[in-house]
Amino acid sequence: MKVVILGAGLLGRLLALALAREGHAVVLHDAKGPQADGAAAWVAAAMLAPLAESVITEAPVVRMGLHGLTRWPQLLAGLSQPVFFQREGTLILWHRQDAAQAQLFGQRLHQTVQQLQASPAQA
């Protein structure tokens, strides 16, 4: 079957890869061209640091991000080129003038982690 995918961002590319591996003829188009430099993945990086996002979003979104993070090793193992991927830690940088926000971020992050640990089954 021939499949046309509109949008060459991360999701479009992953879908194209999966369909091609299943034997489909895939055509991938993006309004910004083959690099798809307008795609969300260029900014959000596929939410590879869901806990860093946790202080500004809802717990179900964080849980989905944490689940998605577990899927990356399998996805990367299927690629033809090696890709650096690390799950140990997240570096968050602050300007000196944002020190108060950094402290508040730490407090919220601690609360979020406690909430996630208290109710891991909810999605």
C-alpha atoms as a PDB file:
ATOM      1  CA  MET A   1       0.000   0.000   0.000  1.00  0.00           C
ATOM      2  CA  LYS A   2       1.224   3.535  -0.730  1.00  0.00           C
ATOM      3  CA  VAL A   3       0.908   5.904   2.227  1.00  0.00           C
ATOM      4  CA  VAL A   4       1.381   9.670   2.203  1.00  0.00           C
ATOM      5  CA  ILE A   5       2.229  11.315   5.527  1.00  0.00           C
ATOM      6  CA  LEU A   6       1.852  15.067   5.905  1.00  0.00           C
ATOM      7  CA  GLY A   7       4.240  16.400   8.510  1.00  0.00           C
ATOM      8  CA  ALA A   8       7.874  15.322   8.825  1.00  0.00           C
ATOM      9  CA  GLY A   9       8.228  16.078  12.498  1.00  0.00           C
ATOM     10  CA  LEU A  10       9.151  13.403  14.990  1.00  0.00           C
ATOM     11  CA  LEU A  11       5.782  11.642  14.912  1.00  0.00           C
ATOM     12  CA  GLY A  12       5.535  11.765  11.118  1.00  0.00           C
ATOM     13  CA  ARG A  13       9.038  10.339  10.737  1.00  0.00           C
ATOM     14  CA  LEU A  14       8.431   7.574  13.276  1.00  0.00           C
ATOM     15  CA  LEU A  15       5.178   6.655  11.570  1.00  0.00           C
ATOM     16  CA  ALA A  16       6.916   6.621   8.175  1.00  0.00           C
ATOM     17  CA  LEU A  17       9.673   4.395   9.546  1.00  0.00           C
ATOM     18  CA  ALA A  18       7.207   1.939  11.091  1.00  0.00           C
ATOM     19  CA  LEU A  19       5.106   1.730   7.917  1.00  0.00           C
ATOM     20  CA  ALA A  20       8.166   1.319   5.682  1.00  0.00           C
ATOM     21  CA  ARG A  21       9.383  -1.529   7.881  1.00  0.00           C
ATOM     22  CA  GLU A  22       6.012  -3.200   7.358  1.00  0.00           C
ATOM     23  CA  GLY A  23       6.569  -3.027   3.603  1.00  0.00           C
ATOM     24  CA  HIS A  24       4.433  -0.010   2.710  1.00  0.00           C
ATOM     25  CA  ALA A  25       5.598   2.550   0.162  1.00  0.00           C
ATOM     26  CA  VAL A  26       5.797   5.777   2.160  1.00  0.00           C
ATOM     27  CA  VAL A  27       5.939   9.364   0.937  1.00  0.00           C
ATOM     28  CA  LEU A  28       6.701  11.969   3.607  1.00  0.00           C
ATOM     29  CA  HIS A  29       5.915  15.662   3.010  1.00  0.00           C
ATOM     30  CA  ASP A  30       6.389  18.708   5.195  1.00  0.00           C
ATOM     31  CA  ALA A  31       5.449  22.306   4.420  1.00  0.00           C
ATOM     32  CA  LYS A  32       8.834  23.478   5.740  1.00  0.00           C
ATOM     33  CA  GLY A  33      10.798  21.059   3.554  1.00  0.00           C
ATOM     34  CA  PRO A  34      12.657  17.830   4.282  1.00  0.00           C
ATOM     35  CA  GLN A  35      14.301  19.102   7.488  1.00  0.00           C
ATOM     36  CA  ALA A  36      10.883  19.957   8.984  1.00  0.00           C
ATOM     37  CA  ASP A  37      12.516  22.739  10.976  1.00  0.00           C
ATOM     38  CA  GLY A  38       9.115  24.062  12.019  1.00  0.00           C
ATOM     39  CA  ALA A  39       8.193  20.820  13.782  1.00  0.00           C
ATOM     40  CA  ALA A  40       7.497  20.785  17.508  1.00  0.00           C
ATOM     41  CA  ALA A  41      10.255  18.234  18.127  1.00  0.00           C
ATOM     42  CA  TRP A  42      12.855  20.890  17.294  1.00  0.00           C
ATOM     43  CA  VAL A  43      11.678  22.767  20.379  1.00  0.00           C
ATOM     44  CA  ALA A  44      10.267  20.178  22.762  1.00  0.00           C
ATOM     45  CA  ALA A  45      12.726  17.377  21.951  1.00  0.00           C
ATOM     46  CA  ALA A  46       9.946  14.856  22.476  1.00  0.00           C
ATOM     47  CA  MET A  47       9.717  15.625  26.177  1.00  0.00           C
ATOM     48  CA  LEU A  48      12.838  13.718  27.148  1.00  0.00           C
ATOM     49  CA  ALA A  49      12.786  15.365  30.578  1.00  0.00           C
ATOM     50  CA  PRO A  50       9.197  14.910  31.789  1.00  0.00           C
ATOM     51  CA  LEU A  51      10.001  15.644  35.427  1.00  0.00           C
ATOM     52  CA  ALA A  52      11.425  19.020  34.455  1.00  0.00           C
ATOM     53  CA  GLU A  53       8.060  19.780  32.846  1.00  0.00           C
ATOM     54  CA  SER A  54       6.141  18.431  35.833  1.00  0.00           C
ATOM     55  CA  VAL A  55       6.026  21.677  37.780  1.00  0.00           C
ATOM     56  CA  ILE A  56       4.062  23.414  35.021  1.00  0.00           C
ATOM     57  CA  THR A  57       1.774  20.632  33.799  1.00  0.00           C
ATOM     58  CA  GLU A  58      -0.721  18.094  35.107  1.00  0.00           C
ATOM     59  CA  ALA A  59       0.248  14.715  36.585  1.00  0.00           C
ATOM     60  CA  PRO A  60      -1.344  12.650  33.755  1.00  0.00           C
ATOM     61  CA  VAL A  61       0.844  14.472  31.211  1.00  0.00           C
ATOM     62  CA  VAL A  62       3.922  13.763  33.321  1.00  0.00           C
ATOM     63  CA  ARG A  63       2.960  10.083  33.593  1.00  0.00           C
ATOM     64  CA  MET A  64       2.590   9.872  29.826  1.00  0.00           C
ATOM     65  CA  GLY A  65       5.995  11.517  29.449  1.00  0.00           C
ATOM     66  CA  LEU A  66       7.568   9.059  31.872  1.00  0.00           C
ATOM     67  CA  HIS A  67       5.984   6.150  30.003  1.00  0.00           C
ATOM     68  CA  GLY A  68       7.191   7.555  26.688  1.00  0.00           C
ATOM     69  CA  LEU A  69      10.681   7.801  28.107  1.00  0.00           C
ATOM     70  CA  THR A  70      10.699   4.038  28.660  1.00  0.00           C
ATOM     71  CA  ARG A  71       9.975   3.499  24.949  1.00  0.00           C
ATOM     72  CA  TRP A  72      12.992   5.404  23.603  1.00  0.00           C
ATOM     73  CA  PRO A  73      15.638   2.641  24.028  1.00  0.00           C
ATOM     74  CA  GLN A  74      13.604   0.204  21.911  1.00  0.00           C
ATOM     75  CA  LEU A  75      13.006   2.832  19.238  1.00  0.00           C
ATOM     76  CA  LEU A  76      16.655   3.866  19.094  1.00  0.00           C
ATOM     77  CA  ALA A  77      17.833   0.256  18.961  1.00  0.00           C
ATOM     78  CA  GLY A  78      15.978  -0.131  15.668  1.00  0.00           C
ATOM     79  CA  LEU A  79      17.765   2.758  13.938  1.00  0.00           C
ATOM     80  CA  SER A  80      20.626   2.209  11.526  1.00  0.00           C
ATOM     81  CA  GLN A  81      22.900   4.788  13.182  1.00  0.00           C
ATOM     82  CA  PRO A  82      23.833   4.987  16.866  1.00  0.00           C
ATOM     83  CA  VAL A  83      22.115   7.761  18.812  1.00  0.00           C
ATOM     84  CA  PHE A  84      23.299   9.040  22.192  1.00  0.00           C
ATOM     85  CA  PHE A  85      20.571   8.608  24.790  1.00  0.00           C
ATOM     86  CA  GLN A  86      20.897   8.922  28.538  1.00  0.00           C
ATOM     87  CA  ARG A  87      18.255   8.675  31.258  1.00  0.00           C
ATOM     88  CA  GLU A  88      20.375   9.583  34.265  1.00  0.00           C
ATOM     89  CA  GLY A  89      19.536  13.093  35.371  1.00  0.00           C
ATOM     90  CA  THR A  90      18.435  16.377  33.884  1.00  0.00           C
ATOM     91  CA  LEU A  91      20.417  19.588  33.906  1.00  0.00           C
ATOM     92  CA  ILE A  92      18.352  22.717  34.493  1.00  0.00           C
ATOM     93  CA  LEU A  93      20.145  26.045  34.292  1.00  0.00           C
ATOM     94  CA  TRP A  94      19.099  29.291  35.954  1.00  0.00           C
ATOM     95  CA  HIS A  95      20.266  32.878  35.735  1.00  0.00           C
ATOM     96  CA  ARG A  96      21.271  34.433  39.039  1.00  0.00           C
ATOM     97  CA  GLN A  97      18.286  36.765  38.941  1.00  0.00           C
ATOM     98  CA  ASP A  98      15.994  33.712  38.794  1.00  0.00           C
ATOM     99  CA  ALA A  99      17.264  32.152  42.026  1.00  0.00           C
ATOM    100  CA  ALA A 100      13.861  32.531  43.721  1.00  0.00           C
ATOM    101  CA  GLN A 101      12.191  30.701  40.839  1.00  0.00           C
ATOM    102  CA  ALA A 102      14.783  27.942  41.068  1.00  0.00           C
ATOM    103  CA  GLN A 103      13.930  27.374  44.720  1.00  0.00           C
ATOM    104  CA  LEU A 104      10.191  27.322  43.952  1.00  0.00           C
ATOM    105  CA  PHE A 105      10.855  24.904  41.071  1.00  0.00           C
ATOM    106  CA  GLY A 106      12.676  22.557  43.458  1.00  0.00           C
ATOM    107  CA  GLN A 107       9.805  22.635  45.945  1.00  0.00           C
ATOM    108  CA  ARG A 108       7.198  21.948  43.259  1.00  0.00           C
ATOM    109  CA  LEU A 109       9.300  19.177  41.754  1.00  0.00           C
ATOM    110  CA  HIS A 110       9.603  17.498  45.147  1.00  0.00           C
ATOM    111  CA  GLN A 111       5.806  17.702  45.626  1.00  0.00           C
ATOM    112  CA  THR A 112       5.178  16.316  42.136  1.00  0.00           C
ATOM    113  CA  VAL A 113       7.496  13.351  42.663  1.00  0.00           C
ATOM    114  CA  GLN A 114       5.759  12.563  45.964  1.00  0.00           C
ATOM    115  CA  GLN A 115       2.343  12.703  44.254  1.00  0.00           C
ATOM    116  CA  LEU A 116       3.500  10.450  41.423  1.00  0.00           C
ATOM    117  CA  GLN A 117       4.896   7.915  43.879  1.00  0.00           C
ATOM    118  CA  ALA A 118       1.694   7.991  45.944  1.00  0.00           C
ATOM    119  CA  SER A 119      -0.571   7.207  42.970  1.00  0.00           C
ATOM    120  CA  PRO A 120       1.470   5.424  40.270  1.00  0.00           C
ATOM    121  CA  ALA A 121      -1.494   3.501  38.836  1.00  0.00           C
ATOM    122  CA  GLN A 122      -3.421   6.587  37.732  1.00  0.00           C
ATOM    123  CA  ALA A 123      -2.811   7.691  34.148  1.00  0.00           C
END
